[in-house]
Amino acid sequence: MRMVRVRLTSAPGAHVSAMGPELIQDLLWAHAVPDDGLEHIRVRCAPHGMDVVLFLSAPGDASALQAVDLLLERLRGPLARHGYTGLVA
């Protein structure tokens, strides 16, 4: 199992919605596909926005990072609608 940390920050000039960690978790599960290998998610509020830790079944760090990059790409629109951008930390 591999762990990847993602930082969600408010987009410049965006109106950030009052969503909590539960909605972020739901968005991640809704946009994950089996090939991502996503097994577990932890989300916490932070001063910059949200900290997310994703646990994935992956053969190596590079493949885990690639899976998270693809997942974040699928989430770009939904996150932007709530005023956030996501970056692998």
PDB file of N, CA and C in Angstrom:
ATOM      1  N   MET A   1       0.848  -1.177   0.000  1.00  0.00           N
ATOM      2  CA  MET A   1       0.000   0.000   0.000  1.00  0.00           C
ATOM      3  C   MET A   1       0.891   1.237   0.000  1.00  0.00           C
ATOM      4  N   ARG A   2       0.509   2.203  -0.805  1.00  0.00           N
ATOM      5  CA  ARG A   2       1.244   3.469  -0.921  1.00  0.00           C
ATOM      6  C   ARG A   2       0.384   4.613  -0.394  1.00  0.00           C
ATOM      7  N   MET A   3       1.037   5.621   0.153  1.00  0.00           N
ATOM      8  CA  MET A   3       0.348   6.778   0.699  1.00  0.00           C
ATOM      9  C   MET A   3       0.786   8.011  -0.088  1.00  0.00           C
ATOM     10  N   VAL A   4      -0.198   8.810  -0.522  1.00  0.00           N
ATOM     11  CA  VAL A   4       0.090  10.046  -1.250  1.00  0.00           C
ATOM     12  C   VAL A   4      -0.692  11.172  -0.585  1.00  0.00           C
ATOM     13  N   ARG A   5       0.012  12.264  -0.286  1.00  0.00           N
ATOM     14  CA  ARG A   5      -0.626  13.431   0.347  1.00  0.00           C
ATOM     15  C   ARG A   5      -0.981  14.451  -0.728  1.00  0.00           C
ATOM     16  N   VAL A   6      -2.193  14.973  -0.624  1.00  0.00           N
ATOM     17  CA  VAL A   6      -2.689  15.986  -1.554  1.00  0.00           C
ATOM     18  C   VAL A   6      -3.104  17.201  -0.734  1.00  0.00           C
ATOM     19  N   ARG A   7      -2.762  18.363  -1.237  1.00  0.00           N
ATOM     20  CA  ARG A   7      -3.143  19.612  -0.578  1.00  0.00           C
ATOM     21  C   ARG A   7      -4.181  20.306  -1.443  1.00  0.00           C
ATOM     22  N   LEU A   8      -5.337  20.596  -0.865  1.00  0.00           N
ATOM     23  CA  LEU A   8      -6.373  21.364  -1.550  1.00  0.00           C
ATOM     24  C   LEU A   8      -6.299  22.792  -1.048  1.00  0.00           C
ATOM     25  N   THR A   9      -6.125  23.718  -1.970  1.00  0.00           N
ATOM     26  CA  THR A   9      -6.052  25.132  -1.616  1.00  0.00           C
ATOM     27  C   THR A   9      -7.102  25.888  -2.402  1.00  0.00           C
ATOM     28  N   SER A  10      -7.468  27.054  -1.871  1.00  0.00           N
ATOM     29  CA  SER A  10      -8.456  27.852  -2.576  1.00  0.00           C
ATOM     30  C   SER A  10      -7.813  28.480  -3.804  1.00  0.00           C
ATOM     31  N   ALA A  11      -8.532  28.436  -4.885  1.00  0.00           N
ATOM     32  CA  ALA A  11      -8.052  29.017  -6.132  1.00  0.00           C
ATOM     33  C   ALA A  11      -8.043  30.538  -6.007  1.00  0.00           C
ATOM     34  N   PRO A  12      -7.063  31.215  -6.604  1.00  0.00           N
ATOM     35  CA  PRO A  12      -7.004  32.676  -6.509  1.00  0.00           C
ATOM     36  C   PRO A  12      -8.293  33.325  -7.004  1.00  0.00           C
ATOM     37  N   GLY A  13      -8.882  34.163  -6.178  1.00  0.00           N
ATOM     38  CA  GLY A  13     -10.095  34.876  -6.540  1.00  0.00           C
ATOM     39  C   GLY A  13     -11.363  34.046  -6.516  1.00  0.00           C
ATOM     40  N   ALA A  14     -11.267  32.791  -6.137  1.00  0.00           N
ATOM     41  CA  ALA A  14     -12.445  31.913  -6.130  1.00  0.00           C
ATOM     42  C   ALA A  14     -13.224  32.062  -4.828  1.00  0.00           C
ATOM     43  N   HIS A  15     -14.516  31.868  -4.936  1.00  0.00           N
ATOM     44  CA  HIS A  15     -15.356  31.830  -3.742  1.00  0.00           C
ATOM     45  C   HIS A  15     -15.360  30.387  -3.241  1.00  0.00           C
ATOM     46  N   VAL A  16     -14.787  30.178  -2.062  1.00  0.00           N
ATOM     47  CA  VAL A  16     -14.698  28.827  -1.510  1.00  0.00           C
ATOM     48  C   VAL A  16     -16.003  28.487  -0.815  1.00  0.00           C
ATOM     49  N   SER A  17     -16.579  27.363  -1.192  1.00  0.00           N
ATOM     50  CA  SER A  17     -17.822  26.927  -0.558  1.00  0.00           C
ATOM     51  C   SER A  17     -17.523  26.393   0.840  1.00  0.00           C
ATOM     52  N   ALA A  18     -18.540  26.283   1.611  1.00  0.00           N
ATOM     53  CA  ALA A  18     -18.393  25.825   2.995  1.00  0.00           C
ATOM     54  C   ALA A  18     -18.476  24.304   3.078  1.00  0.00           C
ATOM     55  N   MET A  19     -17.834  23.614   2.159  1.00  0.00           N
ATOM     56  CA  MET A  19     -17.888  22.153   2.192  1.00  0.00           C
ATOM     57  C   MET A  19     -16.909  21.625   3.225  1.00  0.00           C
ATOM     58  N   GLY A  20     -17.252  20.506   3.776  1.00  0.00           N
ATOM     59  CA  GLY A  20     -16.397  19.900   4.776  1.00  0.00           C
ATOM     60  C   GLY A  20     -15.647  18.704   4.227  1.00  0.00           C
ATOM     61  N   PRO A  21     -14.857  18.081   5.088  1.00  0.00           N
ATOM     62  CA  PRO A  21     -14.074  16.916   4.678  1.00  0.00           C
ATOM     63  C   PRO A  21     -14.918  15.784   4.099  1.00  0.00           C
ATOM     64  N   GLU A  22     -16.138  15.642   4.583  1.00  0.00           N
ATOM     65  CA  GLU A  22     -16.990  14.547   4.108  1.00  0.00           C
ATOM     66  C   GLU A  22     -17.309  14.699   2.619  1.00  0.00           C
ATOM     67  N   LEU A  23     -17.556  15.939   2.171  1.00  0.00           N
ATOM     68  CA  LEU A  23     -17.864  16.151   0.760  1.00  0.00           C
ATOM     69  C   LEU A  23     -16.641  15.877  -0.111  1.00  0.00           C
ATOM     70  N   ILE A  24     -15.470  16.279   0.355  1.00  0.00           N
ATOM     71  CA  ILE A  24     -14.235  15.997  -0.388  1.00  0.00           C
ATOM     72  C   ILE A  24     -14.058  14.487  -0.518  1.00  0.00           C
ATOM     73  N   GLN A  25     -14.276  13.785   0.575  1.00  0.00           N
ATOM     74  CA  GLN A  25     -14.150  12.325   0.551  1.00  0.00           C
ATOM     75  C   GLN A  25     -15.138  11.723  -0.443  1.00  0.00           C
ATOM     76  N   ASP A  26     -16.370  12.196  -0.427  1.00  0.00           N
ATOM     77  CA  ASP A  26     -17.385  11.701  -1.364  1.00  0.00           C
ATOM     78  C   ASP A  26     -16.993  11.986  -2.821  1.00  0.00           C
ATOM     79  N   LEU A  27     -16.466  13.191  -3.086  1.00  0.00           N
ATOM     80  CA  LEU A  27     -16.035  13.530  -4.443  1.00  0.00           C
ATOM     81  C   LEU A  27     -14.913  12.603  -4.914  1.00  0.00           C
ATOM     82  N   LEU A  28     -13.972  12.328  -4.027  1.00  0.00           N
ATOM     83  CA  LEU A  28     -12.869  11.438  -4.385  1.00  0.00           C
ATOM     84  C   LEU A  28     -13.374  10.043  -4.724  1.00  0.00           C
ATOM     85  N   TRP A  29     -14.228   9.486  -3.875  1.00  0.00           N
ATOM     86  CA  TRP A  29     -14.760   8.147  -4.142  1.00  0.00           C
ATOM     87  C   TRP A  29     -15.589   8.132  -5.423  1.00  0.00           C
ATOM     88  N   ALA A  30     -16.363   9.200  -5.664  1.00  0.00           N
ATOM     89  CA  ALA A  30     -17.232   9.241  -6.843  1.00  0.00           C
ATOM     90  C   ALA A  30     -16.438   9.297  -8.151  1.00  0.00           C
ATOM     91  N   HIS A  31     -15.232   9.883  -8.110  1.00  0.00           N
ATOM     92  CA  HIS A  31     -14.442  10.027  -9.331  1.00  0.00           C
ATOM     93  C   HIS A  31     -13.322   8.998  -9.462  1.00  0.00           C
ATOM     94  N   ALA A  32     -13.154   8.178  -8.447  1.00  0.00           N
ATOM     95  CA  ALA A  32     -12.130   7.124  -8.512  1.00  0.00           C
ATOM     96  C   ALA A  32     -12.623   5.987  -9.409  1.00  0.00           C
ATOM     97  N   VAL A  33     -11.677   5.366 -10.094  1.00  0.00           N
ATOM     98  CA  VAL A  33     -11.968   4.189 -10.910  1.00  0.00           C
ATOM     99  C   VAL A  33     -11.144   3.026 -10.352  1.00  0.00           C
ATOM    100  N   PRO A  34     -11.539   1.797 -10.626  1.00  0.00           N
ATOM    101  CA  PRO A  34     -10.803   0.655 -10.072  1.00  0.00           C
ATOM    102  C   PRO A  34      -9.300   0.687 -10.350  1.00  0.00           C
ATOM    103  N   ASP A  35      -8.902   1.172 -11.524  1.00  0.00           N
ATOM    104  CA  ASP A  35      -7.476   1.212 -11.856  1.00  0.00           C
ATOM    105  C   ASP A  35      -6.672   2.151 -10.957  1.00  0.00           C
ATOM    106  N   ASP A  36      -7.343   3.069 -10.264  1.00  0.00           N
ATOM    107  CA  ASP A  36      -6.635   3.968  -9.341  1.00  0.00           C
ATOM    108  C   ASP A  36      -6.063   3.202  -8.150  1.00  0.00           C
ATOM    109  N   GLY A  37      -6.699   2.091  -7.787  1.00  0.00           N
ATOM    110  CA  GLY A  37      -6.247   1.318  -6.633  1.00  0.00           C
ATOM    111  C   GLY A  37      -6.544   1.992  -5.305  1.00  0.00           C
ATOM    112  N   LEU A  38      -7.481   2.935  -5.282  1.00  0.00           N
ATOM    113  CA  LEU A  38      -7.806   3.669  -4.065  1.00  0.00           C
ATOM    114  C   LEU A  38      -8.432   2.741  -3.028  1.00  0.00           C
ATOM    115  N   GLU A  39      -7.871   2.754  -1.827  1.00  0.00           N
ATOM    116  CA  GLU A  39      -8.359   1.885  -0.759  1.00  0.00           C
ATOM    117  C   GLU A  39      -8.901   2.648   0.442  1.00  0.00           C
ATOM    118  N   HIS A  40      -8.322   3.806   0.728  1.00  0.00           N
ATOM    119  CA  HIS A  40      -8.722   4.535   1.928  1.00  0.00           C
ATOM    120  C   HIS A  40      -8.409   6.012   1.738  1.00  0.00           C
ATOM    121  N   ILE A  41      -9.224   6.882   2.360  1.00  0.00           N
ATOM    122  CA  ILE A  41      -9.035   8.331   2.253  1.00  0.00           C
ATOM    123  C   ILE A  41      -9.146   8.951   3.641  1.00  0.00           C
ATOM    124  N   ARG A  42      -8.264   9.900   3.935  1.00  0.00           N
ATOM    125  CA  ARG A  42      -8.364  10.715   5.153  1.00  0.00           C
ATOM    126  C   ARG A  42      -8.333  12.169   4.723  1.00  0.00           C
ATOM    127  N   VAL A  43      -9.271  12.947   5.217  1.00  0.00           N
ATOM    128  CA  VAL A  43      -9.360  14.368   4.883  1.00  0.00           C
ATOM    129  C   VAL A  43      -9.453  15.170   6.167  1.00  0.00           C
ATOM    130  N   ARG A  44      -8.647  16.241   6.245  1.00  0.00           N
ATOM    131  CA  ARG A  44      -8.672  17.138   7.403  1.00  0.00           C
ATOM    132  C   ARG A  44      -8.681  18.584   6.928  1.00  0.00           C
ATOM    133  N   CYS A  45      -9.415  19.413   7.655  1.00  0.00           N
ATOM    134  CA  CYS A  45      -9.376  20.847   7.401  1.00  0.00           C
ATOM    135  C   CYS A  45      -8.012  21.376   7.823  1.00  0.00           C
ATOM    136  N   ALA A  46      -7.512  22.360   7.086  1.00  0.00           N
ATOM    137  CA  ALA A  46      -6.212  22.963   7.367  1.00  0.00           C
ATOM    138  C   ALA A  46      -6.312  24.459   7.075  1.00  0.00           C
ATOM    139  N   PRO A  47      -5.372  25.249   7.589  1.00  0.00           N
ATOM    140  CA  PRO A  47      -5.430  26.693   7.346  1.00  0.00           C
ATOM    141  C   PRO A  47      -5.457  27.076   5.858  1.00  0.00           C
ATOM    142  N   HIS A  48      -4.809  26.307   5.007  1.00  0.00           N
ATOM    143  CA  HIS A  48      -4.762  26.598   3.573  1.00  0.00           C
ATOM    144  C   HIS A  48      -5.959  26.038   2.813  1.00  0.00           C
ATOM    145  N   GLY A  49      -6.746  25.179   3.438  1.00  0.00           N
ATOM    146  CA  GLY A  49      -7.882  24.523   2.788  1.00  0.00           C
ATOM    147  C   GLY A  49      -8.122  23.151   3.380  1.00  0.00           C
ATOM    148  N   MET A  50      -7.641  22.115   2.712  1.00  0.00           N
ATOM    149  CA  MET A  50      -7.804  20.737   3.193  1.00  0.00           C
ATOM    150  C   MET A  50      -6.539  19.938   2.910  1.00  0.00           C
ATOM    151  N   ASP A  51      -6.216  19.046   3.814  1.00  0.00           N
ATOM    152  CA  ASP A  51      -5.157  18.069   3.593  1.00  0.00           C
ATOM    153  C   ASP A  51      -5.827  16.722   3.376  1.00  0.00           C
ATOM    154  N   VAL A  52      -5.399  16.037   2.331  1.00  0.00           N
ATOM    155  CA  VAL A  52      -5.977  14.737   1.973  1.00  0.00           C
ATOM    156  C   VAL A  52      -4.838  13.722   1.903  1.00  0.00           C
ATOM    157  N   VAL A  53      -5.050  12.574   2.508  1.00  0.00           N
ATOM    158  CA  VAL A  53      -4.097  11.476   2.380  1.00  0.00           C
ATOM    159  C   VAL A  53      -4.837  10.320   1.723  1.00  0.00           C
ATOM    160  N   LEU A  54      -4.283   9.866   0.595  1.00  0.00           N
ATOM    161  CA  LEU A  54      -4.869   8.767  -0.159  1.00  0.00           C
ATOM    162  C   LEU A  54      -4.001   7.532   0.015  1.00  0.00           C
ATOM    163  N   PHE A  55      -4.624   6.428   0.289  1.00  0.00           N
ATOM    164  CA  PHE A  55      -3.931   5.141   0.412  1.00  0.00           C
ATOM    165  C   PHE A  55      -4.322   4.311  -0.801  1.00  0.00           C
ATOM    166  N   LEU A  56      -3.313   3.885  -1.550  1.00  0.00           N
ATOM    167  CA  LEU A  56      -3.563   3.167  -2.792  1.00  0.00           C
ATOM    168  C   LEU A  56      -2.822   1.847  -2.834  1.00  0.00           C
ATOM    169  N   SER A  57      -3.437   0.895  -3.484  1.00  0.00           N
ATOM    170  CA  SER A  57      -2.762  -0.353  -3.797  1.00  0.00           C
ATOM    171  C   SER A  57      -2.021  -0.119  -5.102  1.00  0.00           C
ATOM    172  N   ALA A  58      -0.701  -0.033  -5.014  1.00  0.00           N
ATOM    173  CA  ALA A  58       0.118   0.244  -6.196  1.00  0.00           C
ATOM    174  C   ALA A  58       1.452  -0.470  -6.042  1.00  0.00           C
ATOM    175  N   PRO A  59       2.047  -0.905  -7.144  1.00  0.00           N
ATOM    176  CA  PRO A  59       3.316  -1.632  -7.052  1.00  0.00           C
ATOM    177  C   PRO A  59       4.505  -0.752  -6.670  1.00  0.00           C
ATOM    178  N   GLY A  60       4.379   0.555  -6.863  1.00  0.00           N
ATOM    179  CA  GLY A  60       5.498   1.436  -6.534  1.00  0.00           C
ATOM    180  C   GLY A  60       5.042   2.872  -6.365  1.00  0.00           C
ATOM    181  N   ASP A  61       5.955   3.712  -5.902  1.00  0.00           N
ATOM    182  CA  ASP A  61       5.624   5.113  -5.680  1.00  0.00           C
ATOM    183  C   ASP A  61       5.234   5.827  -6.972  1.00  0.00           C
ATOM    184  N   ALA A  62       5.954   5.549  -8.041  1.00  0.00           N
ATOM    185  CA  ALA A  62       5.670   6.221  -9.310  1.00  0.00           C
ATOM    186  C   ALA A  62       4.263   5.908  -9.807  1.00  0.00           C
ATOM    187  N   SER A  63       3.854   4.669  -9.706  1.00  0.00           N
ATOM    188  CA  SER A  63       2.513   4.308 -10.176  1.00  0.00           C
ATOM    189  C   SER A  63       1.432   4.891  -9.264  1.00  0.00           C
ATOM    190  N   ALA A  64       1.712   4.994  -7.968  1.00  0.00           N
ATOM    191  CA  ALA A  64       0.759   5.612  -7.040  1.00  0.00           C
ATOM    192  C   ALA A  64       0.602   7.095  -7.373  1.00  0.00           C
ATOM    193  N   LEU A  65       1.707   7.784  -7.619  1.00  0.00           N
ATOM    194  CA  LEU A  65       1.649   9.200  -7.974  1.00  0.00           C
ATOM    195  C   LEU A  65       0.922   9.413  -9.290  1.00  0.00           C
ATOM    196  N   GLN A  66       1.141   8.537 -10.239  1.00  0.00           N
ATOM    197  CA  GLN A  66       0.454   8.644 -11.527  1.00  0.00           C
ATOM    198  C   GLN A  66      -1.054   8.466 -11.347  1.00  0.00           C
ATOM    199  N   ALA A  67      -1.455   7.496 -10.530  1.00  0.00           N
ATOM    200  CA  ALA A  67      -2.880   7.265 -10.283  1.00  0.00           C
ATOM    201  C   ALA A  67      -3.521   8.487  -9.626  1.00  0.00           C
ATOM    202  N   VAL A  68      -2.816   9.098  -8.679  1.00  0.00           N
ATOM    203  CA  VAL A  68      -3.357  10.280  -8.006  1.00  0.00           C
ATOM    204  C   VAL A  68      -3.429  11.455  -8.982  1.00  0.00           C
ATOM    205  N   ASP A  69      -2.429  11.616  -9.833  1.00  0.00           N
ATOM    206  CA  ASP A  69      -2.481  12.677 -10.840  1.00  0.00           C
ATOM    207  C   ASP A  69      -3.699  12.519 -11.742  1.00  0.00           C
ATOM    208  N   LEU A  70      -3.980  11.290 -12.164  1.00  0.00           N
ATOM    209  CA  LEU A  70      -5.149  11.046 -13.013  1.00  0.00           C
ATOM    210  C   LEU A  70      -6.452  11.321 -12.264  1.00  0.00           C
ATOM    211  N   LEU A  71      -6.499  10.926 -11.002  1.00  0.00           N
ATOM    212  CA  LEU A  71      -7.692  11.183 -10.184  1.00  0.00           C
ATOM    213  C   LEU A  71      -7.898  12.682 -10.012  1.00  0.00           C
ATOM    214  N   LEU A  72      -6.833  13.423  -9.720  1.00  0.00           N
ATOM    215  CA  LEU A  72      -6.956  14.876  -9.568  1.00  0.00           C
ATOM    216  C   LEU A  72      -7.388  15.535 -10.873  1.00  0.00           C
ATOM    217  N   GLU A  73      -6.943  14.997 -11.985  1.00  0.00           N
ATOM    218  CA  GLU A  73      -7.370  15.546 -13.279  1.00  0.00           C
ATOM    219  C   GLU A  73      -8.882  15.377 -13.449  1.00  0.00           C
ATOM    220  N   ARG A  74      -9.412  14.223 -13.062  1.00  0.00           N
ATOM    221  CA  ARG A  74     -10.863  14.002 -13.143  1.00  0.00           C
ATOM    222  C   ARG A  74     -11.610  14.900 -12.170  1.00  0.00           C
ATOM    223  N   LEU A  75     -10.969  15.290 -11.078  1.00  0.00           N
ATOM    224  CA  LEU A  75     -11.608  16.122 -10.056  1.00  0.00           C
ATOM    225  C   LEU A  75     -11.458  17.618 -10.302  1.00  0.00           C
ATOM    226  N   ARG A  76     -10.677  17.996 -11.301  1.00  0.00           N
ATOM    227  CA  ARG A  76     -10.393  19.416 -11.520  1.00  0.00           C
ATOM    228  C   ARG A  76     -11.669  20.256 -11.573  1.00  0.00           C
ATOM    229  N   GLY A  77     -12.636  19.851 -12.368  1.00  0.00           N
ATOM    230  CA  GLY A  77     -13.889  20.604 -12.506  1.00  0.00           C
ATOM    231  C   GLY A  77     -14.689  20.664 -11.219  1.00  0.00           C
ATOM    232  N   PRO A  78     -14.993  19.512 -10.598  1.00  0.00           N
ATOM    233  CA  PRO A  78     -15.755  19.553  -9.356  1.00  0.00           C
ATOM    234  C   PRO A  78     -15.055  20.360  -8.253  1.00  0.00           C
ATOM    235  N   LEU A  79     -13.750  20.239  -8.138  1.00  0.00           N
ATOM    236  CA  LEU A  79     -13.030  21.020  -7.124  1.00  0.00           C
ATOM    237  C   LEU A  79     -13.118  22.511  -7.423  1.00  0.00           C
ATOM    238  N   ALA A  80     -12.957  22.873  -8.689  1.00  0.00           N
ATOM    239  CA  ALA A  80     -13.015  24.284  -9.075  1.00  0.00           C
ATOM    240  C   ALA A  80     -14.387  24.885  -8.775  1.00  0.00           C
ATOM    241  N   ARG A  81     -15.447  24.109  -8.955  1.00  0.00           N
ATOM    242  CA  ARG A  81     -16.793  24.603  -8.663  1.00  0.00           C
ATOM    243  C   ARG A  81     -16.953  24.925  -7.179  1.00  0.00           C
ATOM    244  N   HIS A  82     -16.140  24.305  -6.336  1.00  0.00           N
ATOM    245  CA  HIS A  82     -16.189  24.584  -4.905  1.00  0.00           C
ATOM    246  C   HIS A  82     -15.060  25.523  -4.474  1.00  0.00           C
ATOM    247  N   GLY A  83     -14.283  26.041  -5.437  1.00  0.00           N
ATOM    248  CA  GLY A  83     -13.256  27.030  -5.152  1.00  0.00           C
ATOM    249  C   GLY A  83     -11.893  26.469  -4.800  1.00  0.00           C
ATOM    250  N   TYR A  84     -11.634  25.198  -5.113  1.00  0.00           N
ATOM    251  CA  TYR A  84     -10.375  24.568  -4.732  1.00  0.00           C
ATOM    252  C   TYR A  84      -9.580  24.084  -5.940  1.00  0.00           C
ATOM    253  N   THR A  85      -8.279  23.983  -5.725  1.00  0.00           N
ATOM    254  CA  THR A  85      -7.389  23.285  -6.648  1.00  0.00           C
ATOM    255  C   THR A  85      -6.653  22.241  -5.827  1.00  0.00           C
ATOM    256  N   GLY A  86      -6.213  21.169  -6.467  1.00  0.00           N
ATOM    257  CA  GLY A  86      -5.529  20.093  -5.753  1.00  0.00           C
ATOM    258  C   GLY A  86      -4.133  19.878  -6.288  1.00  0.00           C
ATOM    259  N   LEU A  87      -3.183  19.734  -5.386  1.00  0.00           N
ATOM    260  CA  LEU A  87      -1.794  19.479  -5.744  1.00  0.00           C
ATOM    261  C   LEU A  87      -1.243  18.353  -4.878  1.00  0.00           C
ATOM    262  N   VAL A  88      -0.454  17.490  -5.492  1.00  0.00           N
ATOM    263  CA  VAL A  88       0.227  16.461  -4.707  1.00  0.00           C
ATOM    264  C   VAL A  88       1.269  17.168  -3.864  1.00  0.00           C
ATOM    265  N   ALA A  89       1.232  16.912  -2.576  1.00  0.00           N
ATOM    266  CA  ALA A  89       2.143  17.610  -1.650  1.00  0.00           C
ATOM    267  C   ALA A  89       3.436  16.842  -1.462  1.00  0.00           C
TER     268      ALA A  89
END
